[in-house]
Amino acid sequence: MTTIYQKRWKVEEYHQSLKSNAAFAKSPTKTERTPISHFIASVLAYVKQEALKIRTQCNHYAMKAKIMLMANKAAWTELHKLSTIETADYVSFCVR
């Protein structure tokens, strides 16, 4: 009984990670092909996350948190660079 439950639990972990970390729950459904493409992309993202999990010994949620932290830091740095640009430089920056 315990063995069966452990196998089923792995399937539950897979579904939860697919929905939470691979954005499968946010599937667009405008056409018939869109959900299929989104499902395939989500499964591929899950496979890549599993490979990273094995390589880094870090679970999916911790990896997602690290990625979000790095993205926020990069955005903050870029915002700081833009806020320190002189007005004349800003106009030439926006025109490019």
C-alpha atoms as a PDB file:
ATOM      1  CA  MET A   1       0.000   0.000   0.000  1.00  0.00           C
ATOM      2  CA  THR A   2       2.835   2.402   0.841  1.00  0.00           C
ATOM      3  CA  THR A   3       4.595   1.699  -2.455  1.00  0.00           C
ATOM      4  CA  ILE A   4       1.460   2.477  -4.451  1.00  0.00           C
ATOM      5  CA  TYR A   5       0.931   5.712  -2.517  1.00  0.00           C
ATOM      6  CA  GLN A   6       4.560   6.783  -3.078  1.00  0.00           C
ATOM      7  CA  LYS A   7       4.200   6.228  -6.840  1.00  0.00           C
ATOM      8  CA  ARG A   8       0.952   8.191  -6.898  1.00  0.00           C
ATOM      9  CA  TRP A   9       2.536  10.999  -4.888  1.00  0.00           C
ATOM     10  CA  LYS A  10       5.238  11.451  -7.552  1.00  0.00           C
ATOM     11  CA  VAL A  11       2.477  11.941 -10.130  1.00  0.00           C
ATOM     12  CA  GLU A  12       0.848  14.554  -7.871  1.00  0.00           C
ATOM     13  CA  GLU A  13       4.181  16.368  -7.520  1.00  0.00           C
ATOM     14  CA  TYR A  14       4.542  16.327 -11.314  1.00  0.00           C
ATOM     15  CA  HIS A  15       1.081  17.830 -11.864  1.00  0.00           C
ATOM     16  CA  GLN A  16       1.585  20.479  -9.180  1.00  0.00           C
ATOM     17  CA  SER A  17       4.958  21.517 -10.574  1.00  0.00           C
ATOM     18  CA  LEU A  18       3.604  21.548 -14.129  1.00  0.00           C
ATOM     19  CA  LYS A  19       0.766  23.865 -13.076  1.00  0.00           C
ATOM     20  CA  SER A  20       2.781  26.111 -10.745  1.00  0.00           C
ATOM     21  CA  ASN A  21       6.244  26.318 -12.241  1.00  0.00           C
ATOM     22  CA  ALA A  22       5.728  25.648 -15.941  1.00  0.00           C
ATOM     23  CA  ALA A  23       2.693  27.969 -16.245  1.00  0.00           C
ATOM     24  CA  PHE A  24       0.366  25.268 -17.546  1.00  0.00           C
ATOM     25  CA  ALA A  25      -2.553  26.693 -15.550  1.00  0.00           C
ATOM     26  CA  LYS A  26      -2.315  29.918 -17.601  1.00  0.00           C
ATOM     27  CA  SER A  27      -2.945  28.149 -20.890  1.00  0.00           C
ATOM     28  CA  PRO A  28      -4.452  30.326 -23.627  1.00  0.00           C
ATOM     29  CA  THR A  29      -7.386  28.649 -25.355  1.00  0.00           C
ATOM     30  CA  LYS A  30      -8.187  30.830 -28.351  1.00  0.00           C
ATOM     31  CA  THR A  31      -7.817  28.103 -30.977  1.00  0.00           C
ATOM     32  CA  GLU A  32      -7.730  24.322 -30.948  1.00  0.00           C
ATOM     33  CA  ARG A  33      -3.963  24.114 -31.498  1.00  0.00           C
ATOM     34  CA  THR A  34      -3.014  26.629 -28.814  1.00  0.00           C
ATOM     35  CA  PRO A  35      -3.630  24.395 -25.742  1.00  0.00           C
ATOM     36  CA  ILE A  36      -1.726  21.521 -27.336  1.00  0.00           C
ATOM     37  CA  SER A  37       1.266  23.740 -28.097  1.00  0.00           C
ATOM     38  CA  HIS A  38       1.143  25.219 -24.607  1.00  0.00           C
ATOM     39  CA  PHE A  39       0.993  21.744 -23.050  1.00  0.00           C
ATOM     40  CA  ILE A  40       4.046  20.600 -25.025  1.00  0.00           C
ATOM     41  CA  ALA A  41       5.977  23.742 -24.082  1.00  0.00           C
ATOM     42  CA  SER A  42       5.004  23.274 -20.409  1.00  0.00           C
ATOM     43  CA  VAL A  43       6.169  19.651 -20.399  1.00  0.00           C
ATOM     44  CA  LEU A  44       9.469  20.669 -22.013  1.00  0.00           C
ATOM     45  CA  ALA A  45       9.897  23.373 -19.365  1.00  0.00           C
ATOM     46  CA  TYR A  46       9.214  20.768 -16.668  1.00  0.00           C
ATOM     47  CA  VAL A  47      11.839  18.434 -18.148  1.00  0.00           C
ATOM     48  CA  LYS A  48      14.394  21.252 -18.164  1.00  0.00           C
ATOM     49  CA  GLN A  49      13.505  22.062 -14.552  1.00  0.00           C
ATOM     50  CA  GLU A  50      14.025  18.418 -13.597  1.00  0.00           C
ATOM     51  CA  ALA A  51      17.444  18.429 -15.273  1.00  0.00           C
ATOM     52  CA  LEU A  52      18.386  21.582 -13.355  1.00  0.00           C
ATOM     53  CA  LYS A  53      17.012  20.059 -10.160  1.00  0.00           C
ATOM     54  CA  ILE A  54      19.294  17.066 -10.544  1.00  0.00           C
ATOM     55  CA  ARG A  55      22.296  19.221 -11.446  1.00  0.00           C
ATOM     56  CA  THR A  56      21.843  21.854  -8.719  1.00  0.00           C
ATOM     57  CA  GLN A  57      20.168  19.794  -5.968  1.00  0.00           C
ATOM     58  CA  CYS A  58      17.577  22.592  -5.711  1.00  0.00           C
ATOM     59  CA  ASN A  59      13.798  22.098  -6.012  1.00  0.00           C
ATOM     60  CA  HIS A  60      11.602  23.798  -8.620  1.00  0.00           C
ATOM     61  CA  TYR A  61      10.214  26.396  -6.241  1.00  0.00           C
ATOM     62  CA  ALA A  62      13.673  27.463  -5.039  1.00  0.00           C
ATOM     63  CA  MET A  63      14.902  27.734  -8.647  1.00  0.00           C
ATOM     64  CA  LYS A  64      11.859  29.833  -9.571  1.00  0.00           C
ATOM     65  CA  ALA A  65      12.511  32.117  -6.589  1.00  0.00           C
ATOM     66  CA  LYS A  66      16.178  32.545  -7.595  1.00  0.00           C
ATOM     67  CA  ILE A  67      15.217  33.365 -11.183  1.00  0.00           C
ATOM     68  CA  MET A  68      12.646  35.924 -10.016  1.00  0.00           C
ATOM     69  CA  LEU A  69      15.189  37.490  -7.640  1.00  0.00           C
ATOM     70  CA  MET A  70      17.793  37.788 -10.394  1.00  0.00           C
ATOM     71  CA  ALA A  71      15.210  39.267 -12.799  1.00  0.00           C
ATOM     72  CA  ASN A  72      14.105  41.825 -10.195  1.00  0.00           C
ATOM     73  CA  LYS A  73      17.721  42.800  -9.493  1.00  0.00           C
ATOM     74  CA  ALA A  74      18.395  43.266 -13.218  1.00  0.00           C
ATOM     75  CA  ALA A  75      15.218  45.340 -13.610  1.00  0.00           C
ATOM     76  CA  TRP A  76      16.115  47.461 -10.580  1.00  0.00           C
ATOM     77  CA  THR A  77      19.631  48.062 -11.942  1.00  0.00           C
ATOM     78  CA  GLU A  78      18.251  49.076 -15.341  1.00  0.00           C
ATOM     79  CA  LEU A  79      15.701  51.379 -13.713  1.00  0.00           C
ATOM     80  CA  HIS A  80      18.455  52.987 -11.656  1.00  0.00           C
ATOM     81  CA  LYS A  81      20.547  53.536 -14.807  1.00  0.00           C
ATOM     82  CA  LEU A  82      17.579  55.160 -16.555  1.00  0.00           C
ATOM     83  CA  SER A  83      16.790  57.409 -13.587  1.00  0.00           C
ATOM     84  CA  THR A  84      20.345  58.801 -13.497  1.00  0.00           C
ATOM     85  CA  ILE A  85      20.470  59.736 -17.192  1.00  0.00           C
ATOM     86  CA  GLU A  86      20.538  63.490 -17.876  1.00  0.00           C
ATOM     87  CA  THR A  87      17.480  64.930 -19.629  1.00  0.00           C
ATOM     88  CA  ALA A  88      19.349  65.522 -22.922  1.00  0.00           C
ATOM     89  CA  ASP A  89      20.773  62.018 -22.796  1.00  0.00           C
ATOM     90  CA  TYR A  90      17.314  60.640 -22.078  1.00  0.00           C
ATOM     91  CA  VAL A  91      15.819  62.298 -25.147  1.00  0.00           C
ATOM     92  CA  SER A  92      18.586  60.908 -27.375  1.00  0.00           C
ATOM     93  CA  PHE A  93      18.199  57.504 -25.662  1.00  0.00           C
ATOM     94  CA  CYS A  94      14.455  57.401 -26.432  1.00  0.00           C
ATOM     95  CA  VAL A  95      14.907  58.545 -30.034  1.00  0.00           C
ATOM     96  CA  ARG A  96      17.237  55.651 -30.895  1.00  0.00           C
END
